[in-house]
Amino acid sequence: MTEHQTPPVPEISLREFQRLIQDMYGKKDEARGVDGTFMWLVEEIGELAAALREGSHEEKTEEFADVLAWLTTIANVEGVDLTRAVLEKYGTGCPGCGHGICRCSDAEKP
């Protein structure tokens, strides 16, 4: 690797990430419950919105990670397997039109 190349980023699956969040925060998340956890998610979404308007790339990156972590936390508290949910909803194409590349009109929510 030359001095200008960045090292490769290790990959993590959605299932591995959900397990990581469960192992790291599961007891706290269960004690806080869905309502308290949802409020943290909303706060992080607000921070992401601010970063998207005026933040650096690094700030945006951190806020995307925070939003994903809090969403994953809620899924854990509710017992939702995110990998299964994503595959069931999006694994065979757009839920609206059924195509691999969405053909829904722009006025529709795909």
PDB file of N, CA and C in Angstrom:
ATOM      1  N   MET A   1       0.846  -1.165   0.000  1.00  0.00           N
ATOM      2  CA  MET A   1       0.000   0.000   0.000  1.00  0.00           C
ATOM      3  C   MET A   1       0.899   1.238   0.000  1.00  0.00           C
ATOM      4  N   THR A   2       0.631   2.175  -0.903  1.00  0.00           N
ATOM      5  CA  THR A   2       1.418   3.401  -0.957  1.00  0.00           C
ATOM      6  C   THR A   2       0.938   4.372   0.111  1.00  0.00           C
ATOM      7  N   GLU A   3       1.695   5.452   0.307  1.00  0.00           N
ATOM      8  CA  GLU A   3       1.349   6.397   1.372  1.00  0.00           C
ATOM      9  C   GLU A   3       0.033   7.121   1.121  1.00  0.00           C
ATOM     10  N   HIS A   4      -0.476   7.154  -0.094  1.00  0.00           N
ATOM     11  CA  HIS A   4      -1.718   7.866  -0.406  1.00  0.00           C
ATOM     12  C   HIS A   4      -2.948   6.965  -0.390  1.00  0.00           C
ATOM     13  N   GLN A   5      -2.749   5.683  -0.243  1.00  0.00           N
ATOM     14  CA  GLN A   5      -3.877   4.764  -0.200  1.00  0.00           C
ATOM     15  C   GLN A   5      -4.380   4.640   1.231  1.00  0.00           C
ATOM     16  N   THR A   6      -5.689   4.583   1.367  1.00  0.00           N
ATOM     17  CA  THR A   6      -6.251   4.349   2.689  1.00  0.00           C
ATOM     18  C   THR A   6      -6.379   2.850   2.902  1.00  0.00           C
ATOM     19  N   PRO A   7      -6.215   2.415   4.127  1.00  0.00           N
ATOM     20  CA  PRO A   7      -6.334   0.970   4.381  1.00  0.00           C
ATOM     21  C   PRO A   7      -7.769   0.519   4.124  1.00  0.00           C
ATOM     22  N   PRO A   8      -7.941  -0.720   3.736  1.00  0.00           N
ATOM     23  CA  PRO A   8      -9.297  -1.210   3.487  1.00  0.00           C
ATOM     24  C   PRO A   8     -10.119  -1.194   4.775  1.00  0.00           C
ATOM     25  N   VAL A   9     -11.394  -0.886   4.621  1.00  0.00           N
ATOM     26  CA  VAL A   9     -12.302  -0.870   5.766  1.00  0.00           C
ATOM     27  C   VAL A   9     -12.858  -2.279   5.932  1.00  0.00           C
ATOM     28  N   PRO A  10     -12.782  -2.825   7.146  1.00  0.00           N
ATOM     29  CA  PRO A  10     -13.353  -4.158   7.334  1.00  0.00           C
ATOM     30  C   PRO A  10     -14.869  -4.114   7.132  1.00  0.00           C
ATOM     31  N   GLU A  11     -15.431  -5.198   6.670  1.00  0.00           N
ATOM     32  CA  GLU A  11     -16.866  -5.251   6.429  1.00  0.00           C
ATOM     33  C   GLU A  11     -17.574  -5.881   7.617  1.00  0.00           C
ATOM     34  N   ILE A  12     -18.823  -5.457   7.807  1.00  0.00           N
ATOM     35  CA  ILE A  12     -19.666  -6.039   8.845  1.00  0.00           C
ATOM     36  C   ILE A  12     -21.061  -6.198   8.248  1.00  0.00           C
ATOM     37  N   SER A  13     -21.648  -7.338   8.450  1.00  0.00           N
ATOM     38  CA  SER A  13     -22.998  -7.557   7.932  1.00  0.00           C
ATOM     39  C   SER A  13     -24.003  -6.873   8.858  1.00  0.00           C
ATOM     40  N   LEU A  14     -25.192  -6.708   8.358  1.00  0.00           N
ATOM     41  CA  LEU A  14     -26.253  -6.134   9.177  1.00  0.00           C
ATOM     42  C   LEU A  14     -26.508  -7.005  10.398  1.00  0.00           C
ATOM     43  N   ARG A  15     -26.508  -8.307  10.213  1.00  0.00           N
ATOM     44  CA  ARG A  15     -26.721  -9.231  11.337  1.00  0.00           C
ATOM     45  C   ARG A  15     -25.600  -9.098  12.373  1.00  0.00           C
ATOM     46  N   GLU A  16     -24.356  -9.004  11.909  1.00  0.00           N
ATOM     47  CA  GLU A  16     -23.232  -8.837  12.843  1.00  0.00           C
ATOM     48  C   GLU A  16     -23.336  -7.513  13.588  1.00  0.00           C
ATOM     49  N   PHE A  17     -23.738  -6.456  12.886  1.00  0.00           N
ATOM     50  CA  PHE A  17     -23.893  -5.153  13.531  1.00  0.00           C
ATOM     51  C   PHE A  17     -24.998  -5.201  14.584  1.00  0.00           C
ATOM     52  N   GLN A  18     -26.110  -5.848  14.250  1.00  0.00           N
ATOM     53  CA  GLN A  18     -27.207  -5.943  15.217  1.00  0.00           C
ATOM     54  C   GLN A  18     -26.756  -6.712  16.452  1.00  0.00           C
ATOM     55  N   ARG A  19     -25.991  -7.756  16.271  1.00  0.00           N
ATOM     56  CA  ARG A  19     -25.471  -8.531  17.399  1.00  0.00           C
ATOM     57  C   ARG A  19     -24.472  -7.696  18.207  1.00  0.00           C
ATOM     58  N   LEU A  20     -23.619  -6.929  17.542  1.00  0.00           N
ATOM     59  CA  LEU A  20     -22.660  -6.058  18.210  1.00  0.00           C
ATOM     60  C   LEU A  20     -23.381  -5.048  19.103  1.00  0.00           C
ATOM     61  N   ILE A  21     -24.415  -4.405  18.567  1.00  0.00           N
ATOM     62  CA  ILE A  21     -25.179  -3.421  19.338  1.00  0.00           C
ATOM     63  C   ILE A  21     -25.883  -4.099  20.512  1.00  0.00           C
ATOM     64  N   GLN A  22     -26.422  -5.285  20.284  1.00  0.00           N
ATOM     65  CA  GLN A  22     -27.072  -6.032  21.368  1.00  0.00           C
ATOM     66  C   GLN A  22     -26.081  -6.356  22.477  1.00  0.00           C
ATOM     67  N   ASP A  23     -24.914  -6.867  22.100  1.00  0.00           N
ATOM     68  CA  ASP A  23     -23.910  -7.218  23.098  1.00  0.00           C
ATOM     69  C   ASP A  23     -23.415  -5.985  23.860  1.00  0.00           C
ATOM     70  N   MET A  24     -23.247  -4.884  23.147  1.00  0.00           N
ATOM     71  CA  MET A  24     -22.690  -3.672  23.736  1.00  0.00           C
ATOM     72  C   MET A  24     -23.685  -2.939  24.637  1.00  0.00           C
ATOM     73  N   TYR A  25     -24.943  -2.870  24.209  1.00  0.00           N
ATOM     74  CA  TYR A  25     -25.913  -2.008  24.884  1.00  0.00           C
ATOM     75  C   TYR A  25     -27.209  -2.694  25.300  1.00  0.00           C
ATOM     76  N   GLY A  26     -27.344  -3.980  25.059  1.00  0.00           N
ATOM     77  CA  GLY A  26     -28.616  -4.669  25.257  1.00  0.00           C
ATOM     78  C   GLY A  26     -29.273  -4.453  26.604  1.00  0.00           C
ATOM     79  N   LYS A  27     -28.533  -4.584  27.686  1.00  0.00           N
ATOM     80  CA  LYS A  27     -29.117  -4.438  29.029  1.00  0.00           C
ATOM     81  C   LYS A  27     -29.617  -3.016  29.259  1.00  0.00           C
ATOM     82  N   LYS A  28     -28.829  -2.034  28.855  1.00  0.00           N
ATOM     83  CA  LYS A  28     -29.255  -0.631  28.995  1.00  0.00           C
ATOM     84  C   LYS A  28     -30.482  -0.355  28.137  1.00  0.00           C
ATOM     85  N   ASP A  29     -30.488  -0.884  26.918  1.00  0.00           N
ATOM     86  CA  ASP A  29     -31.594  -0.639  25.997  1.00  0.00           C
ATOM     87  C   ASP A  29     -32.892  -1.229  26.519  1.00  0.00           C
ATOM     88  N   GLU A  30     -32.834  -2.450  27.039  1.00  0.00           N
ATOM     89  CA  GLU A  30     -34.026  -3.089  27.602  1.00  0.00           C
ATOM     90  C   GLU A  30     -34.560  -2.273  28.773  1.00  0.00           C
ATOM     91  N   ALA A  31     -33.670  -1.774  29.623  1.00  0.00           N
ATOM     92  CA  ALA A  31     -34.091  -0.981  30.775  1.00  0.00           C
ATOM     93  C   ALA A  31     -34.717   0.343  30.336  1.00  0.00           C
ATOM     94  N   ARG A  32     -34.196   0.952  29.293  1.00  0.00           N
ATOM     95  CA  ARG A  32     -34.701   2.228  28.788  1.00  0.00           C
ATOM     96  C   ARG A  32     -36.033   2.047  28.087  1.00  0.00           C
ATOM     97  N   GLY A  33     -36.186   0.923  27.386  1.00  0.00           N
ATOM     98  CA  GLY A  33     -37.424   0.634  26.681  1.00  0.00           C
ATOM     99  C   GLY A  33     -37.515   1.331  25.336  1.00  0.00           C
ATOM    100  N   VAL A  34     -38.577   1.011  24.627  1.00  0.00           N
ATOM    101  CA  VAL A  34     -38.757   1.526  23.277  1.00  0.00           C
ATOM    102  C   VAL A  34     -38.971   3.032  23.278  1.00  0.00           C
ATOM    103  N   ASP A  35     -39.813   3.542  24.166  1.00  0.00           N
ATOM    104  CA  ASP A  35     -40.125   4.975  24.143  1.00  0.00           C
ATOM    105  C   ASP A  35     -38.877   5.831  24.358  1.00  0.00           C
ATOM    106  N   GLY A  36     -38.087   5.500  25.383  1.00  0.00           N
ATOM    107  CA  GLY A  36     -36.865   6.260  25.642  1.00  0.00           C
ATOM    108  C   GLY A  36     -35.857   6.119  24.521  1.00  0.00           C
ATOM    109  N   THR A  37     -35.760   4.934  23.979  1.00  0.00           N
ATOM    110  CA  THR A  37     -34.822   4.681  22.890  1.00  0.00           C
ATOM    111  C   THR A  37     -35.247   5.421  21.626  1.00  0.00           C
ATOM    112  N   PHE A  38     -36.537   5.460  21.368  1.00  0.00           N
ATOM    113  CA  PHE A  38     -37.031   6.176  20.201  1.00  0.00           C
ATOM    114  C   PHE A  38     -36.689   7.665  20.294  1.00  0.00           C
ATOM    115  N   MET A  39     -36.773   8.222  21.484  1.00  0.00           N
ATOM    116  CA  MET A  39     -36.432   9.637  21.655  1.00  0.00           C
ATOM    117  C   MET A  39     -34.956   9.886  21.317  1.00  0.00           C
ATOM    118  N   TRP A  40     -34.080   8.959  21.680  1.00  0.00           N
ATOM    119  CA  TRP A  40     -32.660   9.095  21.315  1.00  0.00           C
ATOM    120  C   TRP A  40     -32.499   9.030  19.801  1.00  0.00           C
ATOM    121  N   LEU A  41     -33.256   8.144  19.146  1.00  0.00           N
ATOM    122  CA  LEU A  41     -33.195   8.052  17.685  1.00  0.00           C
ATOM    123  C   LEU A  41     -33.611   9.376  17.052  1.00  0.00           C
ATOM    124  N   VAL A  42     -34.696   9.949  17.538  1.00  0.00           N
ATOM    125  CA  VAL A  42     -35.177  11.218  16.988  1.00  0.00           C
ATOM    126  C   VAL A  42     -34.118  12.305  17.173  1.00  0.00           C
ATOM    127  N   GLU A  43     -33.483  12.338  18.330  1.00  0.00           N
ATOM    128  CA  GLU A  43     -32.418  13.329  18.561  1.00  0.00           C
ATOM    129  C   GLU A  43     -31.276  13.136  17.567  1.00  0.00           C
ATOM    130  N   GLU A  44     -30.901  11.902  17.336  1.00  0.00           N
ATOM    131  CA  GLU A  44     -29.819  11.625  16.385  1.00  0.00           C
ATOM    132  C   GLU A  44     -30.218  11.983  14.960  1.00  0.00           C
ATOM    133  N   ILE A  45     -31.474  11.799  14.614  1.00  0.00           N
ATOM    134  CA  ILE A  45     -31.937  12.197  13.283  1.00  0.00           C
ATOM    135  C   ILE A  45     -31.822  13.709  13.139  1.00  0.00           C
ATOM    136  N   GLY A  46     -32.140  14.436  14.192  1.00  0.00           N
ATOM    137  CA  GLY A  46     -31.965  15.891  14.171  1.00  0.00           C
ATOM    138  C   GLY A  46     -30.507  16.282  13.991  1.00  0.00           C
ATOM    139  N   GLU A  47     -29.615  15.579  14.669  1.00  0.00           N
ATOM    140  CA  GLU A  47     -28.187  15.861  14.516  1.00  0.00           C
ATOM    141  C   GLU A  47     -27.718  15.530  13.100  1.00  0.00           C
ATOM    142  N   LEU A  48     -28.262  14.471  12.508  1.00  0.00           N
ATOM    143  CA  LEU A  48     -27.924  14.139  11.127  1.00  0.00           C
ATOM    144  C   LEU A  48     -28.422  15.228  10.189  1.00  0.00           C
ATOM    145  N   ALA A  49     -29.625  15.726  10.430  1.00  0.00           N
ATOM    146  CA  ALA A  49     -30.166  16.800   9.593  1.00  0.00           C
ATOM    147  C   ALA A  49     -29.255  18.023   9.637  1.00  0.00           C
ATOM    148  N   ALA A  50     -28.794  18.389  10.817  1.00  0.00           N
ATOM    149  CA  ALA A  50     -27.896  19.538  10.947  1.00  0.00           C
ATOM    150  C   ALA A  50     -26.576  19.282  10.227  1.00  0.00           C
ATOM    151  N   ALA A  51     -26.047  18.068  10.365  1.00  0.00           N
ATOM    152  CA  ALA A  51     -24.785  17.729   9.703  1.00  0.00           C
ATOM    153  C   ALA A  51     -24.939  17.751   8.182  1.00  0.00           C
ATOM    154  N   LEU A  52     -26.074  17.303   7.683  1.00  0.00           N
ATOM    155  CA  LEU A  52     -26.303  17.313   6.236  1.00  0.00           C
ATOM    156  C   LEU A  52     -26.348  18.734   5.697  1.00  0.00           C
ATOM    157  N   ARG A  53     -26.851  19.661   6.494  1.00  0.00           N
ATOM    158  CA  ARG A  53     -26.919  21.060   6.048  1.00  0.00           C
ATOM    159  C   ARG A  53     -25.561  21.734   6.094  1.00  0.00           C
ATOM    160  N   GLU A  54     -24.821  21.539   7.184  1.00  0.00           N
ATOM    161  CA  GLU A  54     -23.615  22.346   7.371  1.00  0.00           C
ATOM    162  C   GLU A  54     -22.398  21.578   7.874  1.00  0.00           C
ATOM    163  N   GLY A  55     -22.510  20.293   8.044  1.00  0.00           N
ATOM    164  CA  GLY A  55     -21.427  19.541   8.650  1.00  0.00           C
ATOM    165  C   GLY A  55     -20.372  19.087   7.666  1.00  0.00           C
ATOM    166  N   SER A  56     -19.250  18.709   8.231  1.00  0.00           N
ATOM    167  CA  SER A  56     -18.172  18.137   7.432  1.00  0.00           C
ATOM    168  C   SER A  56     -18.544  16.699   7.050  1.00  0.00           C
ATOM    169  N   HIS A  57     -17.788  16.138   6.146  1.00  0.00           N
ATOM    170  CA  HIS A  57     -18.013  14.745   5.766  1.00  0.00           C
ATOM    171  C   HIS A  57     -17.870  13.841   6.992  1.00  0.00           C
ATOM    172  N   GLU A  58     -16.899  14.120   7.834  1.00  0.00           N
ATOM    173  CA  GLU A  58     -16.685  13.313   9.045  1.00  0.00           C
ATOM    174  C   GLU A  58     -17.898  13.403   9.979  1.00  0.00           C
ATOM    175  N   GLU A  59     -18.444  14.599  10.156  1.00  0.00           N
ATOM    176  CA  GLU A  59     -19.626  14.756  11.010  1.00  0.00           C
ATOM    177  C   GLU A  59     -20.831  14.006  10.431  1.00  0.00           C
ATOM    178  N   LYS A  60     -21.019  14.092   9.129  1.00  0.00           N
ATOM    179  CA  LYS A  60     -22.108  13.369   8.482  1.00  0.00           C
ATOM    180  C   LYS A  60     -21.943  11.868   8.687  1.00  0.00           C
ATOM    181  N   THR A  61     -20.724  11.390   8.504  1.00  0.00           N
ATOM    182  CA  THR A  61     -20.439   9.967   8.660  1.00  0.00           C
ATOM    183  C   THR A  61     -20.774   9.496  10.072  1.00  0.00           C
ATOM    184  N   GLU A  62     -20.357  10.272  11.070  1.00  0.00           N
ATOM    185  CA  GLU A  62     -20.637   9.914  12.468  1.00  0.00           C
ATOM    186  C   GLU A  62     -22.133   9.899  12.752  1.00  0.00           C
ATOM    187  N   GLU A  63     -22.855  10.864  12.227  1.00  0.00           N
ATOM    188  CA  GLU A  63     -24.296  10.936  12.492  1.00  0.00           C
ATOM    189  C   GLU A  63     -25.054   9.813  11.789  1.00  0.00           C
ATOM    190  N   PHE A  64     -24.638   9.436  10.578  1.00  0.00           N
ATOM    191  CA  PHE A  64     -25.258   8.281   9.926  1.00  0.00           C
ATOM    192  C   PHE A  64     -25.063   7.034  10.781  1.00  0.00           C
ATOM    193  N   ALA A  65     -23.853   6.859  11.318  1.00  0.00           N
ATOM    194  CA  ALA A  65     -23.578   5.692  12.165  1.00  0.00           C
ATOM    195  C   ALA A  65     -24.445   5.723  13.423  1.00  0.00           C
ATOM    196  N   ASP A  66     -24.608   6.908  14.023  1.00  0.00           N
ATOM    197  CA  ASP A  66     -25.433   7.023  15.229  1.00  0.00           C
ATOM    198  C   ASP A  66     -26.890   6.677  14.942  1.00  0.00           C
ATOM    199  N   VAL A  67     -27.418   7.190  13.837  1.00  0.00           N
ATOM    200  CA  VAL A  67     -28.816   6.906  13.486  1.00  0.00           C
ATOM    201  C   VAL A  67     -29.003   5.408  13.265  1.00  0.00           C
ATOM    202  N   LEU A  68     -28.069   4.786  12.557  1.00  0.00           N
ATOM    203  CA  LEU A  68     -28.164   3.348  12.317  1.00  0.00           C
ATOM    204  C   LEU A  68     -28.095   2.577  13.631  1.00  0.00           C
ATOM    205  N   ALA A  69     -27.223   2.989  14.539  1.00  0.00           N
ATOM    206  CA  ALA A  69     -27.091   2.301  15.824  1.00  0.00           C
ATOM    207  C   ALA A  69     -28.372   2.411  16.649  1.00  0.00           C
ATOM    208  N   TRP A  70     -28.964   3.590  16.714  1.00  0.00           N
ATOM    209  CA  TRP A  70     -30.195   3.759  17.512  1.00  0.00           C
ATOM    210  C   TRP A  70     -31.368   3.031  16.866  1.00  0.00           C
ATOM    211  N   LEU A  71     -31.447   3.009  15.544  1.00  0.00           N
ATOM    212  CA  LEU A  71     -32.492   2.248  14.874  1.00  0.00           C
ATOM    213  C   LEU A  71     -32.326   0.755  15.170  1.00  0.00           C
ATOM    214  N   THR A  72     -31.097   0.301  15.137  1.00  0.00           N
ATOM    215  CA  THR A  72     -30.787  -1.094  15.441  1.00  0.00           C
ATOM    216  C   THR A  72     -31.140  -1.419  16.883  1.00  0.00           C
ATOM    217  N   THR A  73     -30.887  -0.490  17.789  1.00  0.00           N
ATOM    218  CA  THR A  73     -31.235  -0.680  19.192  1.00  0.00           C
ATOM    219  C   THR A  73     -32.735  -0.908  19.351  1.00  0.00           C
ATOM    220  N   ILE A  74     -33.537  -0.097  18.681  1.00  0.00           N
ATOM    221  CA  ILE A  74     -34.989  -0.259  18.770  1.00  0.00           C
ATOM    222  C   ILE A  74     -35.403  -1.625  18.228  1.00  0.00           C
ATOM    223  N   ALA A  75     -34.807  -2.040  17.127  1.00  0.00           N
ATOM    224  CA  ALA A  75     -35.107  -3.361  16.576  1.00  0.00           C
ATOM    225  C   ALA A  75     -34.767  -4.444  17.594  1.00  0.00           C
ATOM    226  N   ASN A  76     -33.638  -4.299  18.272  1.00  0.00           N
ATOM    227  CA  ASN A  76     -33.260  -5.284  19.290  1.00  0.00           C
ATOM    228  C   ASN A  76     -34.268  -5.325  20.427  1.00  0.00           C
ATOM    229  N   VAL A  77     -34.677  -4.173  20.918  1.00  0.00           N
ATOM    230  CA  VAL A  77     -35.633  -4.116  22.024  1.00  0.00           C
ATOM    231  C   VAL A  77     -36.958  -4.758  21.608  1.00  0.00           C
ATOM    232  N   GLU A  78     -37.342  -4.563  20.354  1.00  0.00           N
ATOM    233  CA  GLU A  78     -38.602  -5.114  19.846  1.00  0.00           C
ATOM    234  C   GLU A  78     -38.481  -6.541  19.325  1.00  0.00           C
ATOM    235  N   GLY A  79     -37.254  -7.090  19.305  1.00  0.00           N
ATOM    236  CA  GLY A  79     -37.061  -8.458  18.827  1.00  0.00           C
ATOM    237  C   GLY A  79     -37.192  -8.607  17.318  1.00  0.00           C
ATOM    238  N   VAL A  80     -36.839  -7.559  16.580  1.00  0.00           N
ATOM    239  CA  VAL A  80     -36.910  -7.591  15.117  1.00  0.00           C
ATOM    240  C   VAL A  80     -35.544  -7.937  14.545  1.00  0.00           C
ATOM    241  N   ASP A  81     -35.488  -8.968  13.732  1.00  0.00           N
ATOM    242  CA  ASP A  81     -34.273  -9.347  13.021  1.00  0.00           C
ATOM    243  C   ASP A  81     -34.191  -8.470  11.776  1.00  0.00           C
ATOM    244  N   LEU A  82     -33.299  -7.485  11.784  1.00  0.00           N
ATOM    245  CA  LEU A  82     -33.217  -6.530  10.682  1.00  0.00           C
ATOM    246  C   LEU A  82     -32.837  -7.183   9.356  1.00  0.00           C
ATOM    247  N   THR A  83     -31.965  -8.161   9.401  1.00  0.00           N
ATOM    248  CA  THR A  83     -31.581  -8.844   8.163  1.00  0.00           C
ATOM    249  C   THR A  83     -32.801  -9.486   7.522  1.00  0.00           C
ATOM    250  N   ARG A  84     -33.568 -10.199   8.305  1.00  0.00           N
ATOM    251  CA  ARG A  84     -34.777 -10.853   7.789  1.00  0.00           C
ATOM    252  C   ARG A  84     -35.774  -9.808   7.298  1.00  0.00           C
ATOM    253  N   ALA A  85     -35.959  -8.731   8.069  1.00  0.00           N
ATOM    254  CA  ALA A  85     -36.917  -7.686   7.688  1.00  0.00           C
ATOM    255  C   ALA A  85     -36.536  -7.042   6.360  1.00  0.00           C
ATOM    256  N   VAL A  86     -35.247  -6.734   6.192  1.00  0.00           N
ATOM    257  CA  VAL A  86     -34.785  -6.104   4.952  1.00  0.00           C
ATOM    258  C   VAL A  86     -34.957  -7.054   3.771  1.00  0.00           C
ATOM    259  N   LEU A  87     -34.573  -8.300   3.960  1.00  0.00           N
ATOM    260  CA  LEU A  87     -34.699  -9.273   2.867  1.00  0.00           C
ATOM    261  C   LEU A  87     -36.158  -9.507   2.490  1.00  0.00           C
ATOM    262  N   GLU A  88     -37.041  -9.604   3.496  1.00  0.00           N
ATOM    263  CA  GLU A  88     -38.452  -9.832   3.200  1.00  0.00           C
ATOM    264  C   GLU A  88     -39.065  -8.637   2.469  1.00  0.00           C
ATOM    265  N   LYS A  89     -38.668  -7.430   2.840  1.00  0.00           N
ATOM    266  CA  LYS A  89     -39.268  -6.239   2.238  1.00  0.00           C
ATOM    267  C   LYS A  89     -38.619  -5.874   0.901  1.00  0.00           C
ATOM    268  N   TYR A  90     -37.291  -5.973   0.793  1.00  0.00           N
ATOM    269  CA  TYR A  90     -36.572  -5.463  -0.379  1.00  0.00           C
ATOM    270  C   TYR A  90     -35.809  -6.532  -1.157  1.00  0.00           C
ATOM    271  N   GLY A  91     -35.794  -7.758  -0.679  1.00  0.00           N
ATOM    272  CA  GLY A  91     -34.973  -8.802  -1.279  1.00  0.00           C
ATOM    273  C   GLY A  91     -35.359  -9.229  -2.673  1.00  0.00           C
ATOM    274  N   THR A  92     -36.588  -8.973  -3.073  1.00  0.00           N
ATOM    275  CA  THR A  92     -37.016  -9.374  -4.420  1.00  0.00           C
ATOM    276  C   THR A  92     -37.321  -8.170  -5.303  1.00  0.00           C
ATOM    277  N   GLY A  93     -36.926  -6.986  -4.863  1.00  0.00           N
ATOM    278  CA  GLY A  93     -37.134  -5.785  -5.661  1.00  0.00           C
ATOM    279  C   GLY A  93     -37.902  -4.730  -4.897  1.00  0.00           C
ATOM    280  N   CYS A  94     -38.214  -3.667  -5.578  1.00  0.00           N
ATOM    281  CA  CYS A  94     -38.951  -2.553  -4.989  1.00  0.00           C
ATOM    282  C   CYS A  94     -40.292  -3.049  -4.453  1.00  0.00           C
ATOM    283  N   PRO A  95     -40.640  -2.725  -3.214  1.00  0.00           N
ATOM    284  CA  PRO A  95     -41.925  -3.168  -2.678  1.00  0.00           C
ATOM    285  C   PRO A  95     -43.128  -2.562  -3.406  1.00  0.00           C
ATOM    286  N   GLY A  96     -42.916  -1.435  -4.084  1.00  0.00           N
ATOM    287  CA  GLY A  96     -44.013  -0.789  -4.801  1.00  0.00           C
ATOM    288  C   GLY A  96     -44.285  -1.407  -6.156  1.00  0.00           C
ATOM    289  N   CYS A  97     -43.230  -1.541  -6.966  1.00  0.00           N
ATOM    290  CA  CYS A  97     -43.427  -2.006  -8.352  1.00  0.00           C
ATOM    291  C   CYS A  97     -42.885  -3.416  -8.573  1.00  0.00           C
ATOM    292  N   GLY A  98     -42.060  -3.908  -7.664  1.00  0.00           N
ATOM    293  CA  GLY A  98     -41.533  -5.260  -7.785  1.00  0.00           C
ATOM    294  C   GLY A  98     -40.302  -5.401  -8.657  1.00  0.00           C
ATOM    295  N   HIS A  99     -39.800  -4.315  -9.229  1.00  0.00           N
ATOM    296  CA  HIS A  99     -38.623  -4.377 -10.098  1.00  0.00           C
ATOM    297  C   HIS A  99     -37.336  -4.180  -9.302  1.00  0.00           C
ATOM    298  N   GLY A 100     -36.241  -4.728  -9.835  1.00  0.00           N
ATOM    299  CA  GLY A 100     -34.935  -4.572  -9.206  1.00  0.00           C
ATOM    300  C   GLY A 100     -34.469  -3.124  -9.201  1.00  0.00           C
ATOM    301  N   ILE A 101     -34.820  -2.392 -10.225  1.00  0.00           N
ATOM    302  CA  ILE A 101     -34.591  -0.945 -10.278  1.00  0.00           C
ATOM    303  C   ILE A 101     -35.975  -0.318 -10.285  1.00  0.00           C
ATOM    304  N   CYS A 102     -36.261   0.476  -9.271  1.00  0.00           N
ATOM    305  CA  CYS A 102     -37.605   1.019  -9.069  1.00  0.00           C
ATOM    306  C   CYS A 102     -38.121   1.754 -10.306  1.00  0.00           C
ATOM    307  N   ARG A 103     -39.371   1.433 -10.656  1.00  0.00           N
ATOM    308  CA  ARG A 103     -40.052   2.096 -11.778  1.00  0.00           C
ATOM    309  C   ARG A 103     -41.282   2.869 -11.293  1.00  0.00           C
ATOM    310  N   CYS A 104     -41.430   2.995  -9.970  1.00  0.00           N
ATOM    311  CA  CYS A 104     -42.566   3.752  -9.433  1.00  0.00           C
ATOM    312  C   CYS A 104     -42.468   5.187  -9.900  1.00  0.00           C
ATOM    313  N   SER A 105     -43.611   5.845 -10.068  1.00  0.00           N
ATOM    314  CA  SER A 105     -43.577   7.253 -10.438  1.00  0.00           C
ATOM    315  C   SER A 105     -42.982   8.055  -9.289  1.00  0.00           C
ATOM    316  N   ASP A 106     -42.426   9.200  -9.606  1.00  0.00           N
ATOM    317  CA  ASP A 106     -41.810  10.043  -8.586  1.00  0.00           C
ATOM    318  C   ASP A 106     -42.828  10.493  -7.547  1.00  0.00           C
ATOM    319  N   ALA A 107     -44.106  10.524  -7.888  1.00  0.00           N
ATOM    320  CA  ALA A 107     -45.158  10.944  -6.966  1.00  0.00           C
ATOM    321  C   ALA A 107     -45.480   9.859  -5.942  1.00  0.00           C
ATOM    322  N   GLU A 108     -45.084   8.620  -6.240  1.00  0.00           N
ATOM    323  CA  GLU A 108     -45.357   7.497  -5.336  1.00  0.00           C
ATOM    324  C   GLU A 108     -44.208   7.309  -4.365  1.00  0.00           C
ATOM    325  N   LYS A 109     -44.533   6.788  -3.211  1.00  0.00           N
ATOM    326  CA  LYS A 109     -43.502   6.402  -2.253  1.00  0.00           C
ATOM    327  C   LYS A 109     -43.142   4.956  -2.554  1.00  0.00           C
ATOM    328  N   PRO A 110     -41.910   4.687  -3.030  1.00  0.00           N
ATOM    329  CA  PRO A 110     -41.565   3.305  -3.353  1.00  0.00           C
ATOM    330  C   PRO A 110     -41.430   2.449  -2.104  1.00  0.00           C
TER     331      PRO A 110
END
